[in-house]
Amino acid sequence: MKTTHNEYRTAIVFSLKDRVGALCDALKSFKKNNINLTRIISRPDKKEWEYKFFVEFIGKETDLKFKRALKDMARYVLTLNVISSYKLRKI
């Protein structure tokens, strides 16, 4: 059975400085590369007025469009880490 990229999710975490439009700038990278987000969670970071964002999206970390999105996104974030890609289980 052939698997599709829709059967995969990838999770990343990144941090931003507190400035107007910072999150919007970072997330535009996903729109430019036609990547569908499935979850966004924000948490305060250790430094005052800095935040970490956990983002999950459809696709694998090996996808070319994912690599392009991360390269573009790196211009806007303080830190950026790929947590993992995983296949969804069918229930």
C-alpha atoms as a PDB file:
ATOM      1  CA  MET A   1       0.000   0.000   0.000  1.00  0.00           C
ATOM      2  CA  LYS A   2       1.397   3.412  -0.998  1.00  0.00           C
ATOM      3  CA  THR A   3       1.605   6.042   1.722  1.00  0.00           C
ATOM      4  CA  THR A   4       0.806   9.684   1.122  1.00  0.00           C
ATOM      5  CA  HIS A   5       2.253  12.749   2.777  1.00  0.00           C
ATOM      6  CA  ASN A   6      -1.193  13.462   4.269  1.00  0.00           C
ATOM      7  CA  GLU A   7      -0.629  10.441   6.503  1.00  0.00           C
ATOM      8  CA  TYR A   8       2.331  12.189   8.154  1.00  0.00           C
ATOM      9  CA  ARG A   9       2.640  15.017  10.655  1.00  0.00           C
ATOM     10  CA  THR A  10       5.740  16.937  11.590  1.00  0.00           C
ATOM     11  CA  ALA A  11       6.262  18.897  14.802  1.00  0.00           C
ATOM     12  CA  ILE A  12       8.652  21.823  15.259  1.00  0.00           C
ATOM     13  CA  VAL A  13       9.352  24.306  18.040  1.00  0.00           C
ATOM     14  CA  PHE A  14      10.645  27.840  17.574  1.00  0.00           C
ATOM     15  CA  SER A  15      11.094  30.987  19.626  1.00  0.00           C
ATOM     16  CA  LEU A  16      10.430  34.614  18.753  1.00  0.00           C
ATOM     17  CA  LYS A  17      11.276  38.037  20.093  1.00  0.00           C
ATOM     18  CA  ASP A  18       8.333  40.133  21.197  1.00  0.00           C
ATOM     19  CA  ARG A  19       7.702  42.468  18.272  1.00  0.00           C
ATOM     20  CA  VAL A  20       4.699  43.374  16.184  1.00  0.00           C
ATOM     21  CA  GLY A  21       4.186  40.845  13.370  1.00  0.00           C
ATOM     22  CA  ALA A  22       6.877  38.378  14.491  1.00  0.00           C
ATOM     23  CA  LEU A  23       4.570  35.342  14.522  1.00  0.00           C
ATOM     24  CA  CYS A  24       2.903  36.395  11.279  1.00  0.00           C
ATOM     25  CA  ASP A  25       6.298  36.722   9.554  1.00  0.00           C
ATOM     26  CA  ALA A  26       7.382  33.275  10.724  1.00  0.00           C
ATOM     27  CA  LEU A  27       4.126  31.556   9.727  1.00  0.00           C
ATOM     28  CA  LYS A  28       4.067  33.126   6.240  1.00  0.00           C
ATOM     29  CA  SER A  29       6.789  30.631   5.335  1.00  0.00           C
ATOM     30  CA  PHE A  30       4.204  27.850   5.623  1.00  0.00           C
ATOM     31  CA  LYS A  31       1.682  29.671   3.447  1.00  0.00           C
ATOM     32  CA  LYS A  32       4.303  30.404   0.762  1.00  0.00           C
ATOM     33  CA  ASN A  33       5.121  26.696   0.599  1.00  0.00           C
ATOM     34  CA  ASN A  34       1.504  25.465   0.720  1.00  0.00           C
ATOM     35  CA  ILE A  35       1.902  23.660   4.055  1.00  0.00           C
ATOM     36  CA  ASN A  36      -1.228  23.068   6.132  1.00  0.00           C
ATOM     37  CA  LEU A  37      -0.835  23.675   9.881  1.00  0.00           C
ATOM     38  CA  THR A  38      -2.785  21.426  12.246  1.00  0.00           C
ATOM     39  CA  ARG A  39      -1.788  22.813  15.668  1.00  0.00           C
ATOM     40  CA  ILE A  40      -0.153  25.869  17.225  1.00  0.00           C
ATOM     41  CA  ILE A  41       0.619  26.143  20.937  1.00  0.00           C
ATOM     42  CA  SER A  42       2.468  29.063  22.545  1.00  0.00           C
ATOM     43  CA  ARG A  43       4.389  29.114  25.815  1.00  0.00           C
ATOM     44  CA  PRO A  44       6.448  31.838  27.517  1.00  0.00           C
ATOM     45  CA  ASP A  45      10.192  31.303  27.221  1.00  0.00           C
ATOM     46  CA  LYS A  46      12.735  31.796  30.014  1.00  0.00           C
ATOM     47  CA  LYS A  47      13.455  35.400  29.027  1.00  0.00           C
ATOM     48  CA  GLU A  48      10.797  38.027  29.577  1.00  0.00           C
ATOM     49  CA  TRP A  49       8.686  38.798  26.490  1.00  0.00           C
ATOM     50  CA  GLU A  50      10.051  35.889  24.457  1.00  0.00           C
ATOM     51  CA  TYR A  51       7.856  32.966  23.465  1.00  0.00           C
ATOM     52  CA  LYS A  52       8.201  29.402  22.205  1.00  0.00           C
ATOM     53  CA  PHE A  53       5.734  28.044  19.673  1.00  0.00           C
ATOM     54  CA  PHE A  54       4.996  24.382  19.095  1.00  0.00           C
ATOM     55  CA  VAL A  55       3.663  23.915  15.554  1.00  0.00           C
ATOM     56  CA  GLU A  56       2.420  20.739  13.921  1.00  0.00           C
ATOM     57  CA  PHE A  57       1.687  20.432  10.201  1.00  0.00           C
ATOM     58  CA  ILE A  58       0.794  17.927   7.489  1.00  0.00           C
ATOM     59  CA  GLY A  59       3.810  16.370   5.766  1.00  0.00           C
ATOM     60  CA  LYS A  60       7.241  14.864   6.357  1.00  0.00           C
ATOM     61  CA  GLU A  61      10.391  16.679   7.408  1.00  0.00           C
ATOM     62  CA  THR A  62      12.083  15.256   4.296  1.00  0.00           C
ATOM     63  CA  ASP A  63       9.689  17.076   1.926  1.00  0.00           C
ATOM     64  CA  LEU A  64      11.362  19.699  -0.251  1.00  0.00           C
ATOM     65  CA  LYS A  65       8.663  22.277   0.511  1.00  0.00           C
ATOM     66  CA  PHE A  66       9.238  21.735   4.243  1.00  0.00           C
ATOM     67  CA  LYS A  67      12.965  22.368   3.831  1.00  0.00           C
ATOM     68  CA  ARG A  68      12.242  25.565   1.866  1.00  0.00           C
ATOM     69  CA  ALA A  69       9.794  26.746   4.543  1.00  0.00           C
ATOM     70  CA  LEU A  70      12.310  26.198   7.353  1.00  0.00           C
ATOM     71  CA  LYS A  71      15.043  28.015   5.447  1.00  0.00           C
ATOM     72  CA  ASP A  72      12.722  30.992   4.917  1.00  0.00           C
ATOM     73  CA  MET A  73      11.436  30.861   8.495  1.00  0.00           C
ATOM     74  CA  ALA A  74      14.964  30.915   9.957  1.00  0.00           C
ATOM     75  CA  ARG A  75      15.213  34.613   9.043  1.00  0.00           C
ATOM     76  CA  TYR A  76      12.442  35.505  11.497  1.00  0.00           C
ATOM     77  CA  VAL A  77      12.996  33.266  14.540  1.00  0.00           C
ATOM     78  CA  LEU A  78      15.475  33.136  17.412  1.00  0.00           C
ATOM     79  CA  THR A  79      15.609  29.316  17.593  1.00  0.00           C
ATOM     80  CA  LEU A  80      14.141  26.569  15.420  1.00  0.00           C
ATOM     81  CA  ASN A  81      14.139  22.798  16.055  1.00  0.00           C
ATOM     82  CA  VAL A  82      12.425  19.889  14.339  1.00  0.00           C
ATOM     83  CA  ILE A  83      10.953  17.588  16.965  1.00  0.00           C
ATOM     84  CA  SER A  84       9.934  14.714  14.667  1.00  0.00           C
ATOM     85  CA  SER A  85       7.859  13.449  11.771  1.00  0.00           C
ATOM     86  CA  TYR A  86       5.485  10.599  12.431  1.00  0.00           C
ATOM     87  CA  LYS A  87       2.904   8.543  10.581  1.00  0.00           C
ATOM     88  CA  LEU A  88      -0.663   8.800  11.785  1.00  0.00           C
ATOM     89  CA  ARG A  89      -2.181   5.619  13.126  1.00  0.00           C
ATOM     90  CA  LYS A  90      -5.507   4.488  11.772  1.00  0.00           C
ATOM     91  CA  ILE A  91      -8.044   3.713  14.453  1.00  0.00           C
END
